[in-house]
Amino acid sequence: MSILFEFVPSIFVALAFDFVLYITGASLLRAFSFGICKYHLHNYGDFKRLKVKPNNGYLIPYIVGVIFYALIVVSIAWLN
């Protein structure tokens, strides 16, 4: 039972990172396309509920968010 309690916080952290990466990617896509790409910026409850559905369109904004934060980390490492 204690092993289960160790994994619960990590699950919440993973969900929070998914949400942050999606919001960042959707915002960047909307900003760089000048509003042509209109990904919905859901709140956290809607995000959790809609994420489990197949073909929900979360993959592209998620990947853009991952690439954005990876570029930030690489640029910080390069400048130091």
N, C-alpha and C. Protein backbone atom coordinates (compact mmCIF):
# COMPACT_ATOMS: atom_id res chain seq x y z
N MET A 1 0.81 -1.19 0.00
CA MET A 1 0.00 0.00 0.00
C MET A 1 0.86 1.26 0.00
N SER A 2 2.01 1.22 0.67
CA SER A 2 2.86 2.39 0.71
C SER A 2 3.50 2.67 -0.65
N ILE A 3 3.67 1.63 -1.46
CA ILE A 3 4.20 1.83 -2.80
C ILE A 3 3.22 2.64 -3.63
N LEU A 4 1.94 2.38 -3.43
CA LEU A 4 0.92 3.14 -4.15
C LEU A 4 0.97 4.62 -3.78
N PHE A 5 1.20 4.92 -2.51
CA PHE A 5 1.27 6.31 -2.06
C PHE A 5 2.50 7.02 -2.63
N GLU A 6 3.54 6.27 -2.99
CA GLU A 6 4.72 6.89 -3.59
C GLU A 6 4.46 7.30 -5.03
N PHE A 7 3.60 6.58 -5.73
CA PHE A 7 3.34 6.88 -7.13
C PHE A 7 2.27 7.96 -7.34
N VAL A 8 1.43 8.19 -6.37
CA VAL A 8 0.34 9.16 -6.53
C VAL A 8 0.86 10.57 -6.80
N PRO A 9 1.84 11.09 -6.03
CA PRO A 9 2.33 12.44 -6.35
C PRO A 9 2.98 12.53 -7.72
N SER A 10 3.67 11.48 -8.15
CA SER A 10 4.30 11.53 -9.46
C SER A 10 3.27 11.54 -10.58
N ILE A 11 2.14 10.91 -10.37
CA ILE A 11 1.07 10.93 -11.37
C ILE A 11 0.51 12.35 -11.50
N PHE A 12 0.31 13.03 -10.37
CA PHE A 12 -0.18 14.41 -10.42
C PHE A 12 0.82 15.34 -11.08
N VAL A 13 2.10 15.12 -10.83
CA VAL A 13 3.13 15.95 -11.46
C VAL A 13 3.14 15.71 -12.97
N ALA A 14 2.99 14.46 -13.40
CA ALA A 14 2.97 14.16 -14.83
C ALA A 14 1.76 14.82 -15.50
N LEU A 15 0.60 14.78 -14.85
CA LEU A 15 -0.58 15.43 -15.41
C LEU A 15 -0.41 16.95 -15.48
N ALA A 16 0.22 17.52 -14.48
CA ALA A 16 0.45 18.96 -14.49
C ALA A 16 1.41 19.35 -15.60
N PHE A 17 2.48 18.56 -15.82
CA PHE A 17 3.40 18.85 -16.91
C PHE A 17 2.72 18.70 -18.27
N ASP A 18 1.87 17.69 -18.42
CA ASP A 18 1.12 17.54 -19.66
C ASP A 18 0.27 18.77 -19.93
N PHE A 19 -0.38 19.27 -18.91
CA PHE A 19 -1.24 20.44 -19.05
C PHE A 19 -0.42 21.67 -19.43
N VAL A 20 0.70 21.87 -18.77
CA VAL A 20 1.55 23.04 -19.04
C VAL A 20 2.12 22.95 -20.45
N LEU A 21 2.56 21.77 -20.86
CA LEU A 21 3.10 21.62 -22.20
C LEU A 21 2.03 21.85 -23.26
N TYR A 22 0.82 21.37 -23.02
CA TYR A 22 -0.26 21.59 -23.99
C TYR A 22 -0.61 23.07 -24.09
N ILE A 23 -0.77 23.74 -22.96
CA ILE A 23 -1.13 25.16 -22.98
C ILE A 23 -0.05 25.99 -23.66
N THR A 24 1.22 25.68 -23.39
CA THR A 24 2.31 26.41 -24.02
C THR A 24 2.31 26.19 -25.52
N GLY A 25 2.17 24.93 -25.94
CA GLY A 25 2.17 24.63 -27.37
C GLY A 25 1.00 25.24 -28.09
N ALA A 26 -0.19 25.17 -27.49
CA ALA A 26 -1.38 25.76 -28.12
C ALA A 26 -1.25 27.28 -28.22
N SER A 27 -0.70 27.89 -27.19
CA SER A 27 -0.52 29.35 -27.21
C SER A 27 0.50 29.76 -28.27
N LEU A 28 1.61 29.01 -28.37
CA LEU A 28 2.61 29.33 -29.38
C LEU A 28 2.07 29.14 -30.79
N LEU A 29 1.34 28.05 -31.01
CA LEU A 29 0.76 27.83 -32.34
C LEU A 29 -0.23 28.93 -32.70
N ARG A 30 -1.02 29.36 -31.74
CA ARG A 30 -1.98 30.43 -32.01
C ARG A 30 -1.27 31.75 -32.28
N ALA A 31 -0.20 32.02 -31.55
CA ALA A 31 0.52 33.29 -31.72
C ALA A 31 1.29 33.33 -33.03
N PHE A 32 1.99 32.23 -33.37
CA PHE A 32 2.81 32.24 -34.58
C PHE A 32 1.99 32.08 -35.85
N SER A 33 0.77 31.57 -35.75
CA SER A 33 -0.07 31.46 -36.94
C SER A 33 -1.02 32.65 -37.06
N PHE A 34 -0.85 33.63 -36.18
CA PHE A 34 -1.69 34.84 -36.16
C PHE A 34 -3.17 34.50 -36.03
N GLY A 35 -3.48 33.48 -35.24
CA GLY A 35 -4.85 33.13 -34.95
C GLY A 35 -5.50 32.16 -35.91
N ILE A 36 -4.75 31.70 -36.92
CA ILE A 36 -5.33 30.75 -37.86
C ILE A 36 -5.54 29.39 -37.21
N CYS A 37 -4.54 28.90 -36.47
CA CYS A 37 -4.67 27.65 -35.72
C CYS A 37 -5.36 27.98 -34.40
N LYS A 38 -6.56 27.49 -34.22
CA LYS A 38 -7.33 27.83 -33.02
C LYS A 38 -7.49 26.59 -32.14
N TYR A 39 -6.43 26.24 -31.43
CA TYR A 39 -6.52 25.17 -30.45
C TYR A 39 -7.18 25.74 -29.19
N HIS A 40 -8.11 25.01 -28.65
CA HIS A 40 -8.83 25.47 -27.48
C HIS A 40 -7.92 25.41 -26.26
N LEU A 41 -7.96 26.44 -25.46
CA LEU A 41 -7.21 26.49 -24.21
C LEU A 41 -8.15 26.08 -23.09
N HIS A 42 -8.20 24.78 -22.83
CA HIS A 42 -9.10 24.23 -21.83
C HIS A 42 -8.56 24.48 -20.43
N ASN A 43 -9.46 24.46 -19.44
CA ASN A 43 -8.98 24.48 -18.06
C ASN A 43 -8.53 23.07 -17.69
N TYR A 44 -7.95 22.93 -16.51
CA TYR A 44 -7.32 21.67 -16.14
C TYR A 44 -8.33 20.53 -16.05
N GLY A 45 -9.51 20.78 -15.55
CA GLY A 45 -10.53 19.73 -15.43
C GLY A 45 -10.99 19.23 -16.79
N ASP A 46 -11.24 20.15 -17.71
CA ASP A 46 -11.62 19.75 -19.06
C ASP A 46 -10.48 19.03 -19.77
N PHE A 47 -9.25 19.48 -19.53
CA PHE A 47 -8.09 18.85 -20.14
C PHE A 47 -7.97 17.39 -19.72
N LYS A 48 -8.12 17.13 -18.42
CA LYS A 48 -8.03 15.75 -17.94
C LYS A 48 -9.14 14.89 -18.53
N ARG A 49 -10.33 15.43 -18.61
CA ARG A 49 -11.48 14.67 -19.10
C ARG A 49 -11.37 14.39 -20.59
N LEU A 50 -10.93 15.37 -21.37
CA LEU A 50 -10.88 15.23 -22.81
C LEU A 50 -9.62 14.52 -23.30
N LYS A 51 -8.60 14.45 -22.46
CA LYS A 51 -7.34 13.84 -22.87
C LYS A 51 -7.46 12.34 -23.09
N VAL A 52 -8.34 11.68 -22.38
CA VAL A 52 -8.45 10.23 -22.49
C VAL A 52 -9.18 9.80 -23.77
N LYS A 53 -9.86 10.71 -24.45
CA LYS A 53 -10.56 10.38 -25.69
C LYS A 53 -9.55 10.26 -26.84
N PRO A 54 -9.73 9.27 -27.71
CA PRO A 54 -8.83 9.17 -28.87
C PRO A 54 -9.13 10.25 -29.89
N ASN A 55 -8.13 10.57 -30.68
CA ASN A 55 -8.26 11.58 -31.74
C ASN A 55 -8.75 12.92 -31.22
N ASN A 56 -8.14 13.39 -30.16
CA ASN A 56 -8.59 14.63 -29.55
C ASN A 56 -7.76 15.84 -29.97
N GLY A 57 -6.69 15.66 -30.72
CA GLY A 57 -5.93 16.79 -31.23
C GLY A 57 -4.97 17.41 -30.24
N TYR A 58 -4.57 16.67 -29.22
CA TYR A 58 -3.65 17.23 -28.23
C TYR A 58 -2.19 16.96 -28.57
N LEU A 59 -1.92 16.16 -29.57
CA LEU A 59 -0.55 15.75 -29.84
C LEU A 59 0.30 16.89 -30.40
N ILE A 60 -0.19 17.63 -31.36
CA ILE A 60 0.61 18.68 -31.99
C ILE A 60 0.95 19.80 -31.02
N PRO A 61 -0.01 20.36 -30.27
CA PRO A 61 0.37 21.38 -29.28
C PRO A 61 1.30 20.84 -28.20
N TYR A 62 1.12 19.59 -27.82
CA TYR A 62 1.99 18.98 -26.81
C TYR A 62 3.42 18.89 -27.32
N ILE A 63 3.61 18.46 -28.57
CA ILE A 63 4.95 18.35 -29.13
C ILE A 63 5.59 19.72 -29.29
N VAL A 64 4.81 20.71 -29.68
CA VAL A 64 5.33 22.08 -29.80
C VAL A 64 5.77 22.60 -28.43
N GLY A 65 5.00 22.30 -27.39
CA GLY A 65 5.38 22.70 -26.04
C GLY A 65 6.66 22.02 -25.58
N VAL A 66 6.81 20.74 -25.89
CA VAL A 66 8.04 20.02 -25.53
C VAL A 66 9.24 20.61 -26.25
N ILE A 67 9.09 20.88 -27.54
CA ILE A 67 10.19 21.47 -28.31
C ILE A 67 10.54 22.85 -27.79
N PHE A 68 9.55 23.65 -27.43
CA PHE A 68 9.81 24.99 -26.90
C PHE A 68 10.64 24.93 -25.62
N TYR A 69 10.23 24.10 -24.67
CA TYR A 69 10.98 24.01 -23.42
C TYR A 69 12.33 23.34 -23.61
N ALA A 70 12.44 22.41 -24.57
CA ALA A 70 13.74 21.81 -24.87
C ALA A 70 14.69 22.86 -25.44
N LEU A 71 14.18 23.73 -26.30
CA LEU A 71 15.01 24.81 -26.84
C LEU A 71 15.46 25.79 -25.75
N ILE A 72 14.60 26.05 -24.79
CA ILE A 72 15.00 26.92 -23.68
C ILE A 72 16.12 26.28 -22.89
N VAL A 73 16.00 24.99 -22.59
CA VAL A 73 17.04 24.30 -21.81
C VAL A 73 18.35 24.25 -22.60
N VAL A 74 18.28 23.97 -23.89
CA VAL A 74 19.50 23.92 -24.72
C VAL A 74 20.14 25.28 -24.81
N SER A 75 19.36 26.33 -24.97
CA SER A 75 19.95 27.68 -25.06
C SER A 75 20.57 28.10 -23.74
N ILE A 76 19.97 27.75 -22.63
CA ILE A 76 20.57 28.06 -21.33
C ILE A 76 21.88 27.31 -21.15
N ALA A 77 21.90 26.04 -21.54
CA ALA A 77 23.12 25.24 -21.42
C ALA A 77 24.20 25.76 -22.35
N TRP A 78 23.83 26.22 -23.53
CA TRP A 78 24.80 26.70 -24.47
C TRP A 78 25.40 28.04 -24.03
N LEU A 79 24.57 28.91 -23.47
CA LEU A 79 25.06 30.22 -23.06
C LEU A 79 25.91 30.17 -21.80
N ASN A 80 25.77 29.14 -21.01
CA ASN A 80 26.62 29.03 -19.82
C ASN A 80 27.86 28.34 -20.22
